[in-house]
Amino acid sequence: VPVFDITTVAKCVMKAAPSWAASHPPGFKSKVFLDLYHNSDFLQCAEDLFDPLFIEPLFGTQADGSLKFYEGLSRDEVRYLTCTGGDRPLPATPLGRSIALYDQGHPYPVGSLNPVCMLTAVGMCPGVAADGFSCPGPIPGGANCGGGGFGPQLNPRVKGVDFPCGADGALCASFADVPPLNFDPKADKDNSNACAIPAPSKGFTFQKTN
């Protein structure tokens, strides 16, 4: 499976820049996202990076089969990396920042993240660790917090729809306020703090324009 993340999008945006600039002079009114997704250079870049034979040299699985930055780990250690927040077993040096240092942006100072936003039970859902595997317990992550509609939460502090603990965790005084993990959304529709329902695999096709 090719690696696809925000850096991939950034690469393709830069690939599209010359032709975009030529067709969008200053003052040109544009539906930016729609026009970008129909830009032939952006589409070609995305298709190239979706090629199963493409190897991202900066991270992920390399041509020799190793996992960059995780060389020498056993199959089980790699399988459960998500459960540890991606950190390699000690005494290896952590690869990233602690989630406690996550920058929430203005007006929150770094280091003020609510504890209920640092740990989530969704890691225990099937398939989170790897296909067919789940984590044995809660994992580092902010799934309890966020904004936007997320369905009923079984949290007496939440009115209407929201993530379990609100945008910044203020709706949960402690982990006791976090709704229990709902392993079967179909069986319990009143609790949206739930595992994702596996969807049938579908192909993804870009449509080129003339």
C-alpha atoms as a PDB file:
ATOM      1  CA  VAL A   1       0.000   0.000   0.000  1.00  0.00           C
ATOM      2  CA  PRO A   2       1.536   3.367  -0.920  1.00  0.00           C
ATOM      3  CA  VAL A   3       2.108   5.903   1.838  1.00  0.00           C
ATOM      4  CA  PHE A   4      -0.292   8.827   1.525  1.00  0.00           C
ATOM      5  CA  ASP A   5      -0.401  11.735   3.931  1.00  0.00           C
ATOM      6  CA  ILE A   6      -0.367  15.522   3.926  1.00  0.00           C
ATOM      7  CA  THR A   7       3.176  15.600   2.527  1.00  0.00           C
ATOM      8  CA  THR A   8       1.882  13.762  -0.531  1.00  0.00           C
ATOM      9  CA  VAL A   9      -0.775  16.429  -1.066  1.00  0.00           C
ATOM     10  CA  ALA A  10       1.844  19.161  -0.632  1.00  0.00           C
ATOM     11  CA  LYS A  11       4.085  17.578  -3.266  1.00  0.00           C
ATOM     12  CA  CYS A  12       1.235  17.457  -5.756  1.00  0.00           C
ATOM     13  CA  VAL A  13       0.180  21.030  -5.027  1.00  0.00           C
ATOM     14  CA  MET A  14       3.734  22.134  -5.858  1.00  0.00           C
ATOM     15  CA  LYS A  15       3.694  20.025  -9.030  1.00  0.00           C
ATOM     16  CA  ALA A  16       0.521  21.847 -10.060  1.00  0.00           C
ATOM     17  CA  ALA A  17       1.875  25.316  -9.241  1.00  0.00           C
ATOM     18  CA  PRO A  18       3.335  26.264 -12.670  1.00  0.00           C
ATOM     19  CA  SER A  19       0.280  25.307 -14.713  1.00  0.00           C
ATOM     20  CA  TRP A  20      -2.021  26.723 -12.030  1.00  0.00           C
ATOM     21  CA  ALA A  21      -0.212  30.077 -12.135  1.00  0.00           C
ATOM     22  CA  ALA A  22      -0.423  30.155 -15.936  1.00  0.00           C
ATOM     23  CA  SER A  23      -4.175  29.595 -15.943  1.00  0.00           C
ATOM     24  CA  HIS A  24      -4.993  31.720 -12.869  1.00  0.00           C
ATOM     25  CA  PRO A  25      -3.610  35.240 -13.330  1.00  0.00           C
ATOM     26  CA  PRO A  26      -3.955  37.735 -10.436  1.00  0.00           C
ATOM     27  CA  GLY A  27      -7.591  38.683  -9.950  1.00  0.00           C
ATOM     28  CA  PHE A  28      -8.885  35.484 -11.572  1.00  0.00           C
ATOM     29  CA  LYS A  29     -11.883  34.174  -9.660  1.00  0.00           C
ATOM     30  CA  SER A  30     -11.578  30.486  -8.901  1.00  0.00           C
ATOM     31  CA  LYS A  31     -13.151  27.649  -6.985  1.00  0.00           C
ATOM     32  CA  VAL A  32      -9.761  26.753  -5.579  1.00  0.00           C
ATOM     33  CA  PHE A  33     -10.267  23.170  -4.452  1.00  0.00           C
ATOM     34  CA  LEU A  34     -12.402  22.189  -7.431  1.00  0.00           C
ATOM     35  CA  ASP A  35      -9.925  23.706  -9.867  1.00  0.00           C
ATOM     36  CA  LEU A  36      -6.989  22.044  -8.096  1.00  0.00           C
ATOM     37  CA  TYR A  37      -8.589  18.615  -8.243  1.00  0.00           C
ATOM     38  CA  HIS A  38      -9.110  19.096 -11.978  1.00  0.00           C
ATOM     39  CA  ASN A  39      -5.584  20.322 -12.633  1.00  0.00           C
ATOM     40  CA  SER A  40      -3.912  17.784 -14.931  1.00  0.00           C
ATOM     41  CA  ASP A  41      -0.500  18.082 -13.225  1.00  0.00           C
ATOM     42  CA  PHE A  42      -2.052  17.562  -9.777  1.00  0.00           C
ATOM     43  CA  LEU A  43      -3.965  14.523 -11.015  1.00  0.00           C
ATOM     44  CA  GLN A  44      -0.909  12.990 -12.663  1.00  0.00           C
ATOM     45  CA  CYS A  45       1.150  13.483  -9.500  1.00  0.00           C
ATOM     46  CA  ALA A  46      -1.538  11.892  -7.343  1.00  0.00           C
ATOM     47  CA  GLU A  47      -1.866   8.935  -9.692  1.00  0.00           C
ATOM     48  CA  ASP A  48       1.905   8.439  -9.726  1.00  0.00           C
ATOM     49  CA  LEU A  49       2.027   8.409  -5.925  1.00  0.00           C
ATOM     50  CA  PHE A  50      -0.890   5.989  -5.723  1.00  0.00           C
ATOM     51  CA  ASP A  51       1.014   3.493  -7.846  1.00  0.00           C
ATOM     52  CA  PRO A  52       1.598   0.409  -5.631  1.00  0.00           C
ATOM     53  CA  LEU A  53       5.161   0.295  -6.954  1.00  0.00           C
ATOM     54  CA  PHE A  54       5.917   3.824  -5.735  1.00  0.00           C
ATOM     55  CA  ILE A  55       8.335   3.979  -2.797  1.00  0.00           C
ATOM     56  CA  GLU A  56       8.422   7.058  -0.556  1.00  0.00           C
ATOM     57  CA  PRO A  57      12.095   7.374   0.463  1.00  0.00           C
ATOM     58  CA  LEU A  58      11.414   9.699   3.397  1.00  0.00           C
ATOM     59  CA  PHE A  59       9.390   7.251   5.504  1.00  0.00           C
ATOM     60  CA  GLY A  60       7.357   4.070   5.378  1.00  0.00           C
ATOM     61  CA  THR A  61       8.197   0.760   3.731  1.00  0.00           C
ATOM     62  CA  GLN A  62      11.361   0.932   1.649  1.00  0.00           C
ATOM     63  CA  ALA A  63      12.390  -0.993  -1.463  1.00  0.00           C
ATOM     64  CA  ASP A  64      14.295  -3.536   0.618  1.00  0.00           C
ATOM     65  CA  GLY A  65      11.198  -4.247   2.739  1.00  0.00           C
ATOM     66  CA  SER A  66      12.422  -2.384   5.825  1.00  0.00           C
ATOM     67  CA  LEU A  67      10.295   0.211   7.614  1.00  0.00           C
ATOM     68  CA  LYS A  68      12.271   3.430   7.761  1.00  0.00           C
ATOM     69  CA  PHE A  69      13.153   4.551  11.316  1.00  0.00           C
ATOM     70  CA  TYR A  70      11.860   1.213  12.642  1.00  0.00           C
ATOM     71  CA  GLU A  71      14.555  -1.073  11.312  1.00  0.00           C
ATOM     72  CA  GLY A  72      15.309  -4.141  13.395  1.00  0.00           C
ATOM     73  CA  LEU A  73      11.913  -4.382  15.098  1.00  0.00           C
ATOM     74  CA  SER A  74      10.048  -7.654  15.237  1.00  0.00           C
ATOM     75  CA  ARG A  75       6.805  -8.194  13.335  1.00  0.00           C
ATOM     76  CA  ASP A  76       4.785  -7.874  16.556  1.00  0.00           C
ATOM     77  CA  GLU A  77       6.563  -4.661  17.557  1.00  0.00           C
ATOM     78  CA  VAL A  78       5.741  -3.109  14.190  1.00  0.00           C
ATOM     79  CA  ARG A  79       2.179  -4.423  14.295  1.00  0.00           C
ATOM     80  CA  TYR A  80       1.434  -2.682  17.577  1.00  0.00           C
ATOM     81  CA  LEU A  81       3.268   0.617  16.958  1.00  0.00           C
ATOM     82  CA  THR A  82      -0.044   2.480  16.822  1.00  0.00           C
ATOM     83  CA  CYS A  83      -0.760   1.286  20.354  1.00  0.00           C
ATOM     84  CA  THR A  84       2.299   3.107  21.671  1.00  0.00           C
ATOM     85  CA  GLY A  85       1.788   6.265  19.654  1.00  0.00           C
ATOM     86  CA  GLY A  86       4.464   5.163  17.200  1.00  0.00           C
ATOM     87  CA  ASP A  87       7.240   5.126  19.757  1.00  0.00           C
ATOM     88  CA  ARG A  88       9.866   2.446  19.389  1.00  0.00           C
ATOM     89  CA  PRO A  89      10.564   0.156  22.365  1.00  0.00           C
ATOM     90  CA  LEU A  90      13.094   1.437  24.895  1.00  0.00           C
ATOM     91  CA  PRO A  91      15.952   2.252  24.878  1.00  0.00           C
ATOM     92  CA  ALA A  92      15.283   3.707  21.421  1.00  0.00           C
ATOM     93  CA  THR A  93      14.895   7.487  21.216  1.00  0.00           C
ATOM     94  CA  PRO A  94      11.280   8.669  20.685  1.00  0.00           C
ATOM     95  CA  LEU A  95      10.601   9.719  17.108  1.00  0.00           C
ATOM     96  CA  GLY A  96       8.207  12.574  17.842  1.00  0.00           C
ATOM     97  CA  ARG A  97       6.881  14.872  20.522  1.00  0.00           C
ATOM     98  CA  SER A  98       4.830  13.709  23.456  1.00  0.00           C
ATOM     99  CA  ILE A  99       1.110  14.243  22.857  1.00  0.00           C
ATOM    100  CA  ALA A 100       1.182  16.393  26.014  1.00  0.00           C
ATOM    101  CA  LEU A 101       3.115  18.948  23.928  1.00  0.00           C
ATOM    102  CA  TYR A 102       0.563  19.030  21.120  1.00  0.00           C
ATOM    103  CA  ASP A 103       0.089  22.625  19.961  1.00  0.00           C
ATOM    104  CA  GLN A 104      -3.625  23.422  20.009  1.00  0.00           C
ATOM    105  CA  GLY A 105      -3.080  26.863  18.566  1.00  0.00           C
ATOM    106  CA  HIS A 106      -4.182  30.255  19.865  1.00  0.00           C
ATOM    107  CA  PRO A 107      -5.181  30.918  22.616  1.00  0.00           C
ATOM    108  CA  TYR A 108      -3.953  27.684  24.221  1.00  0.00           C
ATOM    109  CA  PRO A 109      -0.328  27.584  25.442  1.00  0.00           C
ATOM    110  CA  VAL A 110       1.713  24.500  24.610  1.00  0.00           C
ATOM    111  CA  GLY A 111       1.498  22.057  27.512  1.00  0.00           C
ATOM    112  CA  SER A 112      -2.096  22.923  28.435  1.00  0.00           C
ATOM    113  CA  LEU A 113      -3.757  19.991  26.672  1.00  0.00           C
ATOM    114  CA  ASN A 114      -6.497  18.449  28.800  1.00  0.00           C
ATOM    115  CA  PRO A 115      -5.544  14.930  29.980  1.00  0.00           C
ATOM    116  CA  VAL A 116      -8.790  13.474  28.563  1.00  0.00           C
ATOM    117  CA  CYS A 117      -7.548  14.568  25.115  1.00  0.00           C
ATOM    118  CA  MET A 118      -4.311  12.579  25.402  1.00  0.00           C
ATOM    119  CA  LEU A 119      -5.669   9.042  25.646  1.00  0.00           C
ATOM    120  CA  THR A 120      -8.406   7.304  23.686  1.00  0.00           C
ATOM    121  CA  ALA A 121     -10.093   3.920  23.831  1.00  0.00           C
ATOM    122  CA  VAL A 122     -10.651   3.762  20.071  1.00  0.00           C
ATOM    123  CA  GLY A 123      -7.308   1.995  19.775  1.00  0.00           C
ATOM    124  CA  MET A 124      -9.099  -1.053  21.114  1.00  0.00           C
ATOM    125  CA  CYS A 125     -11.288  -1.163  18.005  1.00  0.00           C
ATOM    126  CA  PRO A 126     -10.615  -3.994  15.554  1.00  0.00           C
ATOM    127  CA  GLY A 127      -8.167  -3.073  12.839  1.00  0.00           C
ATOM    128  CA  VAL A 128      -6.563  -0.083  14.585  1.00  0.00           C
ATOM    129  CA  ALA A 129      -3.257  -1.762  15.346  1.00  0.00           C
ATOM    130  CA  ALA A 130      -3.231  -3.650  12.045  1.00  0.00           C
ATOM    131  CA  ASP A 131      -5.655  -5.532   9.858  1.00  0.00           C
ATOM    132  CA  GLY A 132      -7.407  -7.968  12.199  1.00  0.00           C
ATOM    133  CA  PHE A 133      -5.628  -6.651  15.313  1.00  0.00           C
ATOM    134  CA  SER A 134      -6.590  -4.190  18.036  1.00  0.00           C
ATOM    135  CA  CYS A 135      -4.644  -2.601  20.876  1.00  0.00           C
ATOM    136  CA  PRO A 136      -4.925  -4.199  24.326  1.00  0.00           C
ATOM    137  CA  GLY A 137      -5.921  -0.899  25.956  1.00  0.00           C
ATOM    138  CA  PRO A 138      -6.316   2.868  25.422  1.00  0.00           C
ATOM    139  CA  ILE A 139      -3.690   4.489  23.223  1.00  0.00           C
ATOM    140  CA  PRO A 140      -2.190   7.973  22.853  1.00  0.00           C
ATOM    141  CA  GLY A 141      -4.610  10.052  20.797  1.00  0.00           C
ATOM    142  CA  GLY A 142      -7.155  12.858  20.895  1.00  0.00           C
ATOM    143  CA  ALA A 143     -10.337  11.083  19.740  1.00  0.00           C
ATOM    144  CA  ASN A 144     -12.234  12.197  22.854  1.00  0.00           C
ATOM    145  CA  CYS A 145     -11.868  15.840  21.855  1.00  0.00           C
ATOM    146  CA  GLY A 146     -12.629  17.860  18.771  1.00  0.00           C
ATOM    147  CA  GLY A 147     -15.289  19.948  17.131  1.00  0.00           C
ATOM    148  CA  GLY A 148     -18.234  19.366  14.867  1.00  0.00           C
ATOM    149  CA  GLY A 149     -21.142  16.978  14.932  1.00  0.00           C
ATOM    150  CA  PHE A 150     -20.330  13.482  16.102  1.00  0.00           C
ATOM    151  CA  GLY A 151     -23.676  12.082  17.227  1.00  0.00           C
ATOM    152  CA  PRO A 152     -25.060  11.311  20.698  1.00  0.00           C
ATOM    153  CA  GLN A 153     -22.374  10.682  23.307  1.00  0.00           C
ATOM    154  CA  LEU A 154     -24.134   9.424  26.453  1.00  0.00           C
ATOM    155  CA  ASN A 155     -22.335  12.205  28.312  1.00  0.00           C
ATOM    156  CA  PRO A 156     -24.562  14.252  30.643  1.00  0.00           C
ATOM    157  CA  ARG A 157     -22.308  17.261  30.085  1.00  0.00           C
ATOM    158  CA  VAL A 158     -22.914  17.250  26.336  1.00  0.00           C
ATOM    159  CA  LYS A 159     -26.020  18.850  24.867  1.00  0.00           C
ATOM    160  CA  GLY A 160     -26.865  17.887  21.329  1.00  0.00           C
ATOM    161  CA  VAL A 161     -24.038  16.502  19.262  1.00  0.00           C
ATOM    162  CA  ASP A 162     -20.322  16.927  19.775  1.00  0.00           C
ATOM    163  CA  PHE A 163     -17.207  14.887  20.319  1.00  0.00           C
ATOM    164  CA  PRO A 164     -17.335  13.086  23.671  1.00  0.00           C
ATOM    165  CA  CYS A 165     -15.509  15.800  25.609  1.00  0.00           C
ATOM    166  CA  GLY A 166     -16.000  18.862  23.430  1.00  0.00           C
ATOM    167  CA  ALA A 167     -13.457  20.776  21.378  1.00  0.00           C
ATOM    168  CA  ASP A 168     -10.849  21.105  24.131  1.00  0.00           C
ATOM    169  CA  GLY A 169     -11.911  18.490  26.670  1.00  0.00           C
ATOM    170  CA  ALA A 170     -13.811  20.930  28.885  1.00  0.00           C
ATOM    171  CA  LEU A 171     -16.922  18.721  28.885  1.00  0.00           C
ATOM    172  CA  CYS A 172     -15.128  15.888  30.690  1.00  0.00           C
ATOM    173  CA  ALA A 173     -13.870  16.582  34.186  1.00  0.00           C
ATOM    174  CA  SER A 174     -12.127  13.205  34.118  1.00  0.00           C
ATOM    175  CA  PHE A 175     -12.046   9.970  32.133  1.00  0.00           C
ATOM    176  CA  ALA A 176     -15.117   8.920  34.129  1.00  0.00           C
ATOM    177  CA  ASP A 177     -17.139  11.354  31.971  1.00  0.00           C
ATOM    178  CA  VAL A 178     -15.977   9.818  28.693  1.00  0.00           C
ATOM    179  CA  PRO A 179     -18.697   7.564  27.241  1.00  0.00           C
ATOM    180  CA  PRO A 180     -17.692   3.894  27.134  1.00  0.00           C
ATOM    181  CA  LEU A 181     -16.298   2.649  23.853  1.00  0.00           C
ATOM    182  CA  ASN A 182     -19.078   1.347  21.638  1.00  0.00           C
ATOM    183  CA  PHE A 183     -17.717  -1.689  19.807  1.00  0.00           C
ATOM    184  CA  ASP A 184     -20.875  -2.185  17.730  1.00  0.00           C
ATOM    185  CA  PRO A 185     -22.448   1.060  16.432  1.00  0.00           C
ATOM    186  CA  LYS A 186     -25.230  -0.891  14.767  1.00  0.00           C
ATOM    187  CA  ALA A 187     -26.314  -2.370  18.085  1.00  0.00           C
ATOM    188  CA  ASP A 188     -26.042   0.857  20.122  1.00  0.00           C
ATOM    189  CA  LYS A 189     -26.917   3.903  18.022  1.00  0.00           C
ATOM    190  CA  ASP A 190     -27.191   6.110  21.122  1.00  0.00           C
ATOM    191  CA  ASN A 191     -23.441   6.104  21.708  1.00  0.00           C
ATOM    192  CA  SER A 192     -21.321   7.572  18.929  1.00  0.00           C
ATOM    193  CA  ASN A 193     -18.047   7.065  20.802  1.00  0.00           C
ATOM    194  CA  ALA A 194     -17.794   4.069  18.572  1.00  0.00           C
ATOM    195  CA  CYS A 195     -15.589   1.893  16.441  1.00  0.00           C
ATOM    196  CA  ALA A 196     -15.841   2.561  12.729  1.00  0.00           C
ATOM    197  CA  ILE A 197     -18.064   0.248  10.764  1.00  0.00           C
ATOM    198  CA  PRO A 198     -15.865  -1.551   8.214  1.00  0.00           C
ATOM    199  CA  ALA A 199     -16.892  -0.475   4.730  1.00  0.00           C
ATOM    200  CA  PRO A 200     -16.540  -2.622   1.621  1.00  0.00           C
ATOM    201  CA  SER A 201     -13.307  -1.771  -0.130  1.00  0.00           C
ATOM    202  CA  LYS A 202     -13.850   0.560  -3.032  1.00  0.00           C
ATOM    203  CA  GLY A 203     -11.494   1.684  -5.721  1.00  0.00           C
ATOM    204  CA  PHE A 204     -10.568   5.332  -5.961  1.00  0.00           C
ATOM    205  CA  THR A 205     -10.557   6.849  -9.414  1.00  0.00           C
ATOM    206  CA  PHE A 206      -9.480  10.310 -10.449  1.00  0.00           C
ATOM    207  CA  GLN A 207     -11.360  11.781 -13.362  1.00  0.00           C
ATOM    208  CA  LYS A 208      -9.254  13.762 -15.743  1.00  0.00           C
ATOM    209  CA  THR A 209     -10.663  16.682 -17.630  1.00  0.00           C
ATOM    210  CA  ASN A 210      -9.878  17.639 -21.173  1.00  0.00           C
END
